[in-house]
């Protein structure tokens, strides 16, 4: 059994390396690095995160307002309108699409949604 586990781990490493070498993953990493290096994007990310956190706290306390939600949405819209962020979100969506294909390929012979259900117990 340890030989089988070792082979599965080897296949997992190979899969990880193949994903890391995939052009869409490289595009994703480049887009992510561009966002991380962009001062305006970082400023807007910080602003959005703060507004979202404040809204979540207000919501938990029963004090959330429509105005607060609109501020969060406006900050997110402003952030997502940056060309560098648009490129990142597109690259991320494309990479997620590729990973969904991989999940389907793994799940098919197992007759279970490997990525979505394999970790759960007793699904009804």
N, C-alpha and C. Protein backbone atom coordinates (compact mmCIF):
# COMPACT_ATOMS: atom_id res chain seq x y z
N UNK A 1 0.82 -1.20 0.00
CA UNK A 1 0.00 0.00 0.00
C UNK A 1 0.86 1.25 0.00
N UNK A 2 2.01 1.22 0.67
CA UNK A 2 2.87 2.40 0.68
C UNK A 2 3.40 2.70 -0.71
N UNK A 3 3.59 1.66 -1.54
CA UNK A 3 4.03 1.88 -2.92
C UNK A 3 2.96 2.64 -3.68
N UNK A 4 1.70 2.26 -3.48
CA UNK A 4 0.59 2.94 -4.15
C UNK A 4 0.52 4.39 -3.69
N UNK A 5 0.63 4.61 -2.38
CA UNK A 5 0.59 5.97 -1.85
C UNK A 5 1.73 6.78 -2.45
N UNK A 6 2.91 6.18 -2.53
CA UNK A 6 4.05 6.88 -3.10
C UNK A 6 3.78 7.24 -4.56
N UNK A 7 3.20 6.33 -5.32
CA UNK A 7 2.88 6.60 -6.72
C UNK A 7 1.84 7.71 -6.83
N UNK A 8 0.85 7.70 -5.97
CA UNK A 8 -0.15 8.77 -5.99
C UNK A 8 0.49 10.11 -5.65
N UNK A 9 1.37 10.11 -4.68
CA UNK A 9 2.06 11.36 -4.33
C UNK A 9 2.92 11.84 -5.48
N UNK A 10 3.57 10.91 -6.17
CA UNK A 10 4.39 11.26 -7.33
C UNK A 10 3.53 11.86 -8.43
N UNK A 11 2.39 11.22 -8.68
CA UNK A 11 1.47 11.77 -9.68
C UNK A 11 0.97 13.15 -9.27
N UNK A 12 0.71 13.34 -7.97
CA UNK A 12 0.29 14.65 -7.48
C UNK A 12 1.34 15.72 -7.72
N UNK A 13 2.61 15.37 -7.47
CA UNK A 13 3.70 16.31 -7.72
C UNK A 13 3.79 16.64 -9.21
N UNK A 14 3.67 15.60 -10.04
CA UNK A 14 3.72 15.82 -11.49
C UNK A 14 2.57 16.73 -11.93
N UNK A 15 1.40 16.51 -11.37
CA UNK A 15 0.26 17.36 -11.70
C UNK A 15 0.52 18.80 -11.28
N UNK A 16 1.03 18.97 -10.06
CA UNK A 16 1.36 20.32 -9.59
C UNK A 16 2.38 21.01 -10.49
N UNK A 17 3.39 20.27 -10.91
CA UNK A 17 4.40 20.84 -11.80
C UNK A 17 3.80 21.18 -13.16
N UNK A 18 2.92 20.33 -13.66
CA UNK A 18 2.27 20.59 -14.95
C UNK A 18 1.39 21.83 -14.86
N UNK A 19 0.68 21.97 -13.76
CA UNK A 19 -0.15 23.17 -13.57
C UNK A 19 0.73 24.41 -13.50
N UNK A 20 1.81 24.33 -12.74
CA UNK A 20 2.71 25.49 -12.60
C UNK A 20 3.34 25.89 -13.94
N UNK A 21 3.51 24.94 -14.84
CA UNK A 21 4.11 25.22 -16.14
C UNK A 21 3.08 25.62 -17.20
N UNK A 22 1.81 25.53 -16.87
CA UNK A 22 0.74 25.84 -17.82
C UNK A 22 0.76 27.34 -18.14
N UNK A 23 0.59 27.71 -19.40
CA UNK A 23 0.60 29.14 -19.78
C UNK A 23 -0.43 29.97 -19.02
N UNK A 24 -1.59 29.42 -18.74
CA UNK A 24 -2.62 30.19 -18.01
C UNK A 24 -2.17 30.45 -16.58
N UNK A 25 -1.47 29.51 -15.98
CA UNK A 25 -0.95 29.72 -14.63
C UNK A 25 0.14 30.79 -14.65
N UNK A 26 0.99 30.73 -15.65
CA UNK A 26 2.04 31.75 -15.79
C UNK A 26 1.41 33.13 -15.97
N UNK A 27 0.35 33.22 -16.77
CA UNK A 27 -0.35 34.49 -16.96
C UNK A 27 -0.96 34.97 -15.65
N UNK A 28 -1.53 34.04 -14.90
CA UNK A 28 -2.10 34.37 -13.60
C UNK A 28 -1.02 34.92 -12.67
N UNK A 29 0.11 34.25 -12.58
CA UNK A 29 1.19 34.70 -11.70
C UNK A 29 1.72 36.07 -12.12
N UNK A 30 1.83 36.29 -13.41
CA UNK A 30 2.28 37.60 -13.91
C UNK A 30 1.27 38.69 -13.56
N UNK A 31 0.00 38.40 -13.74
CA UNK A 31 -1.05 39.38 -13.43
C UNK A 31 -1.09 39.67 -11.93
N UNK A 32 -0.92 38.64 -11.13
CA UNK A 32 -0.89 38.80 -9.68
C UNK A 32 0.29 39.68 -9.26
N UNK A 33 1.45 39.42 -9.84
CA UNK A 33 2.64 40.22 -9.52
C UNK A 33 2.45 41.68 -9.94
N UNK A 34 1.77 41.89 -11.06
CA UNK A 34 1.52 43.25 -11.53
C UNK A 34 0.62 43.99 -10.56
N UNK A 35 -0.40 43.32 -10.03
CA UNK A 35 -1.29 43.94 -9.04
C UNK A 35 -0.51 44.25 -7.77
N UNK A 36 0.32 43.31 -7.35
CA UNK A 36 1.09 43.52 -6.12
C UNK A 36 2.09 44.66 -6.26
N UNK A 37 2.56 44.92 -7.48
CA UNK A 37 3.54 45.98 -7.71
C UNK A 37 2.88 47.33 -8.01
N UNK A 38 1.58 47.36 -8.19
CA UNK A 38 0.88 48.58 -8.56
C UNK A 38 0.41 49.32 -7.31
N UNK A 39 0.97 50.50 -7.08
CA UNK A 39 0.65 51.26 -5.87
C UNK A 39 -0.82 51.65 -5.80
N UNK A 40 -1.39 52.06 -6.93
CA UNK A 40 -2.80 52.46 -6.93
C UNK A 40 -3.69 51.26 -6.61
N UNK A 41 -3.38 50.11 -7.19
CA UNK A 41 -4.17 48.91 -6.91
C UNK A 41 -4.06 48.54 -5.44
N UNK A 42 -2.87 48.62 -4.88
CA UNK A 42 -2.68 48.26 -3.48
C UNK A 42 -3.45 49.21 -2.56
N UNK A 43 -3.45 50.49 -2.91
CA UNK A 43 -4.20 51.47 -2.12
C UNK A 43 -5.70 51.18 -2.17
N UNK A 44 -6.20 50.87 -3.37
CA UNK A 44 -7.63 50.57 -3.51
C UNK A 44 -7.99 49.25 -2.85
N UNK A 45 -7.10 48.29 -2.88
CA UNK A 45 -7.34 47.01 -2.20
C UNK A 45 -7.46 47.25 -0.70
N UNK A 46 -6.55 48.05 -0.16
CA UNK A 46 -6.59 48.34 1.28
C UNK A 46 -7.88 49.07 1.65
N UNK A 47 -8.26 50.04 0.83
CA UNK A 47 -9.49 50.80 1.08
C UNK A 47 -10.71 49.88 1.03
N UNK A 48 -10.78 49.06 -0.01
CA UNK A 48 -11.90 48.13 -0.15
C UNK A 48 -11.95 47.17 1.03
N UNK A 49 -10.82 46.62 1.41
CA UNK A 49 -10.77 45.66 2.52
C UNK A 49 -11.25 46.30 3.82
N UNK A 50 -10.84 47.53 4.05
CA UNK A 50 -11.25 48.22 5.27
C UNK A 50 -12.76 48.47 5.27
N UNK A 51 -13.28 48.96 4.16
CA UNK A 51 -14.72 49.21 4.06
C UNK A 51 -15.52 47.92 4.21
N UNK A 52 -15.04 46.86 3.60
CA UNK A 52 -15.73 45.57 3.70
C UNK A 52 -15.71 45.06 5.14
N UNK A 53 -14.58 45.19 5.81
CA UNK A 53 -14.48 44.75 7.20
C UNK A 53 -15.41 45.57 8.10
N UNK A 54 -15.43 46.88 7.90
CA UNK A 54 -16.31 47.75 8.69
C UNK A 54 -17.77 47.38 8.44
N UNK A 55 -18.11 47.09 7.18
CA UNK A 55 -19.49 46.71 6.87
C UNK A 55 -19.83 45.38 7.52
N UNK A 56 -18.92 44.41 7.47
CA UNK A 56 -19.18 43.10 8.09
C UNK A 56 -19.37 43.22 9.59
N UNK A 57 -18.59 44.07 10.24
CA UNK A 57 -18.75 44.28 11.68
C UNK A 57 -20.12 44.92 11.96
N UNK A 58 -20.46 45.93 11.16
CA UNK A 58 -21.76 46.59 11.33
C UNK A 58 -22.90 45.59 11.11
N UNK A 59 -22.75 44.72 10.12
CA UNK A 59 -23.78 43.72 9.86
C UNK A 59 -23.93 42.75 11.02
N UNK A 60 -22.82 42.32 11.60
CA UNK A 60 -22.85 41.41 12.74
C UNK A 60 -23.51 42.06 13.96
N UNK A 61 -23.38 43.36 14.05
CA UNK A 61 -23.97 44.09 15.18
C UNK A 61 -25.38 44.56 14.87
N UNK A 62 -25.87 44.24 13.68
CA UNK A 62 -27.21 44.65 13.29
C UNK A 62 -27.30 46.12 12.93
N UNK A 63 -26.16 46.72 12.58
CA UNK A 63 -26.13 48.15 12.29
C UNK A 63 -25.76 48.45 10.84
N UNK A 64 -25.78 47.46 9.99
CA UNK A 64 -25.43 47.66 8.59
C UNK A 64 -26.49 48.52 7.90
N UNK A 65 -26.03 49.36 6.99
CA UNK A 65 -26.95 50.22 6.26
C UNK A 65 -26.77 50.00 4.76
N UNK A 66 -27.76 50.40 4.02
CA UNK A 66 -27.68 50.34 2.56
C UNK A 66 -26.54 51.24 2.08
N UNK A 67 -26.37 52.38 2.74
CA UNK A 67 -25.29 53.31 2.37
C UNK A 67 -23.93 52.64 2.56
N UNK A 68 -23.77 51.90 3.64
CA UNK A 68 -22.52 51.19 3.88
C UNK A 68 -22.25 50.16 2.81
N UNK A 69 -23.28 49.43 2.42
CA UNK A 69 -23.15 48.44 1.36
C UNK A 69 -22.78 49.11 0.04
N UNK A 70 -23.40 50.24 -0.24
CA UNK A 70 -23.10 50.97 -1.48
C UNK A 70 -21.65 51.45 -1.50
N UNK A 71 -21.12 51.85 -0.34
CA UNK A 71 -19.72 52.28 -0.27
C UNK A 71 -18.78 51.11 -0.59
N UNK A 72 -19.11 49.94 -0.05
CA UNK A 72 -18.30 48.75 -0.31
C UNK A 72 -18.35 48.41 -1.81
N UNK A 73 -19.55 48.44 -2.38
CA UNK A 73 -19.71 48.11 -3.79
C UNK A 73 -19.00 49.13 -4.69
N UNK A 74 -19.05 50.40 -4.32
CA UNK A 74 -18.38 51.43 -5.11
C UNK A 74 -16.87 51.25 -5.05
N UNK A 75 -16.35 50.92 -3.88
CA UNK A 75 -14.91 50.69 -3.74
C UNK A 75 -14.48 49.47 -4.57
N UNK A 76 -15.31 48.44 -4.56
CA UNK A 76 -15.00 47.24 -5.35
C UNK A 76 -15.05 47.57 -6.85
N UNK A 77 -16.04 48.31 -7.27
CA UNK A 77 -16.16 48.70 -8.68
C UNK A 77 -14.94 49.51 -9.12
N UNK A 78 -14.53 50.45 -8.27
CA UNK A 78 -13.36 51.28 -8.59
C UNK A 78 -12.11 50.41 -8.72
N UNK A 79 -11.94 49.49 -7.78
CA UNK A 79 -10.80 48.58 -7.81
C UNK A 79 -10.82 47.72 -9.07
N UNK A 80 -11.97 47.13 -9.38
CA UNK A 80 -12.07 46.24 -10.53
C UNK A 80 -11.97 46.96 -11.86
N UNK A 81 -12.13 48.27 -11.85
CA UNK A 81 -12.04 49.03 -13.10
C UNK A 81 -10.59 49.35 -13.49
N UNK A 82 -9.66 49.14 -12.58
CA UNK A 82 -8.24 49.36 -12.93
C UNK A 82 -7.82 48.33 -13.97
N UNK A 83 -7.15 48.75 -15.03
CA UNK A 83 -6.71 47.79 -16.05
C UNK A 83 -5.89 46.63 -15.48
N UNK A 84 -5.01 46.93 -14.53
CA UNK A 84 -4.18 45.88 -13.95
C UNK A 84 -5.03 44.87 -13.17
N UNK A 85 -6.09 45.35 -12.54
CA UNK A 85 -6.98 44.46 -11.79
C UNK A 85 -7.87 43.68 -12.74
N UNK A 86 -8.34 44.32 -13.81
CA UNK A 86 -9.13 43.62 -14.81
C UNK A 86 -8.35 42.45 -15.39
N UNK A 87 -7.07 42.70 -15.69
CA UNK A 87 -6.21 41.64 -16.24
C UNK A 87 -6.03 40.51 -15.23
N UNK A 88 -5.86 40.87 -13.97
CA UNK A 88 -5.70 39.87 -12.92
C UNK A 88 -6.97 39.02 -12.79
N UNK A 89 -8.12 39.66 -12.73
CA UNK A 89 -9.38 38.94 -12.56
C UNK A 89 -9.66 38.01 -13.75
N UNK A 90 -9.32 38.46 -14.95
CA UNK A 90 -9.49 37.62 -16.13
C UNK A 90 -8.56 36.41 -16.07
N UNK A 91 -7.28 36.66 -15.72
CA UNK A 91 -6.32 35.56 -15.61
C UNK A 91 -6.74 34.57 -14.52
N UNK A 92 -7.26 35.09 -13.43
CA UNK A 92 -7.72 34.23 -12.34
C UNK A 92 -8.90 33.37 -12.80
N UNK A 93 -9.85 33.97 -13.48
CA UNK A 93 -11.02 33.23 -13.96
C UNK A 93 -10.61 32.15 -14.96
N UNK A 94 -9.67 32.46 -15.83
CA UNK A 94 -9.21 31.48 -16.79
C UNK A 94 -8.49 30.32 -16.10
N UNK A 95 -7.71 30.63 -15.07
CA UNK A 95 -7.00 29.58 -14.34
C UNK A 95 -7.99 28.71 -13.57
N UNK A 96 -9.00 29.32 -12.98
CA UNK A 96 -10.02 28.55 -12.27
C UNK A 96 -10.72 27.61 -13.25
N UNK A 97 -10.98 28.09 -14.46
CA UNK A 97 -11.59 27.24 -15.48
C UNK A 97 -10.72 26.03 -15.81
N UNK A 98 -9.42 26.24 -15.91
CA UNK A 98 -8.51 25.13 -16.16
C UNK A 98 -8.51 24.14 -15.00
N UNK A 99 -8.51 24.66 -13.78
CA UNK A 99 -8.50 23.78 -12.61
C UNK A 99 -9.82 23.01 -12.49
N UNK A 100 -10.91 23.60 -12.92
CA UNK A 100 -12.19 22.88 -12.92
C UNK A 100 -12.13 21.69 -13.89
N UNK A 101 -11.46 21.87 -15.03
CA UNK A 101 -11.29 20.77 -15.98
C UNK A 101 -10.46 19.65 -15.35
N UNK A 102 -9.41 20.03 -14.63
CA UNK A 102 -8.58 19.04 -13.95
C UNK A 102 -9.41 18.30 -12.90
N UNK A 103 -10.20 19.04 -12.14
CA UNK A 103 -11.06 18.43 -11.13
C UNK A 103 -12.01 17.41 -11.77
N UNK A 104 -12.59 17.78 -12.90
CA UNK A 104 -13.50 16.86 -13.59
C UNK A 104 -12.77 15.61 -14.05
N UNK A 105 -11.54 15.78 -14.55
CA UNK A 105 -10.77 14.62 -15.02
C UNK A 105 -10.43 13.69 -13.87
N UNK A 106 -10.13 14.25 -12.71
CA UNK A 106 -9.82 13.43 -11.54
C UNK A 106 -11.09 12.78 -11.01
N UNK A 107 -12.17 13.52 -10.98
CA UNK A 107 -13.41 13.05 -10.39
C UNK A 107 -14.11 11.98 -11.20
N UNK A 108 -13.97 12.03 -12.51
CA UNK A 108 -14.72 11.12 -13.38
C UNK A 108 -14.53 9.64 -13.01
N UNK A 109 -13.30 9.14 -12.92
CA UNK A 109 -13.18 7.71 -12.59
C UNK A 109 -13.54 7.38 -11.14
N UNK A 110 -13.63 8.39 -10.29
CA UNK A 110 -13.95 8.16 -8.89
C UNK A 110 -15.45 8.21 -8.62
N UNK A 111 -16.21 8.68 -9.58
CA UNK A 111 -17.65 8.85 -9.44
C UNK A 111 -17.99 9.75 -8.25
N UNK A 112 -17.15 10.76 -8.03
CA UNK A 112 -17.38 11.75 -6.97
C UNK A 112 -16.72 13.04 -7.41
N UNK A 113 -17.30 14.16 -7.01
CA UNK A 113 -16.69 15.46 -7.28
C UNK A 113 -15.52 15.60 -6.33
N UNK A 114 -14.35 15.21 -6.78
CA UNK A 114 -13.17 15.16 -5.93
C UNK A 114 -12.91 16.48 -5.22
N UNK A 115 -12.94 17.57 -5.96
CA UNK A 115 -12.66 18.87 -5.37
C UNK A 115 -13.76 19.40 -4.48
N UNK A 116 -14.99 18.99 -4.74
CA UNK A 116 -16.11 19.54 -4.01
C UNK A 116 -16.63 18.69 -2.87
N UNK A 117 -16.51 17.36 -2.97
CA UNK A 117 -17.16 16.51 -1.99
C UNK A 117 -16.24 15.51 -1.31
N UNK A 118 -15.07 15.26 -1.84
CA UNK A 118 -14.25 14.16 -1.32
C UNK A 118 -13.89 14.34 0.14
N UNK A 119 -13.82 15.57 0.61
CA UNK A 119 -13.44 15.81 2.00
C UNK A 119 -14.59 15.70 2.97
N UNK A 120 -15.82 15.65 2.46
CA UNK A 120 -16.99 15.63 3.33
C UNK A 120 -17.32 14.24 3.79
N UNK A 121 -18.16 14.18 4.80
CA UNK A 121 -18.59 12.90 5.33
C UNK A 121 -20.11 12.86 5.33
N UNK A 122 -20.62 11.77 4.91
CA UNK A 122 -22.06 11.51 5.07
C UNK A 122 -22.92 12.56 4.37
N UNK A 123 -22.64 12.84 3.10
CA UNK A 123 -23.48 13.79 2.35
C UNK A 123 -24.81 13.15 2.03
N UNK A 124 -25.89 13.85 2.30
CA UNK A 124 -27.23 13.33 1.99
C UNK A 124 -27.74 13.94 0.72
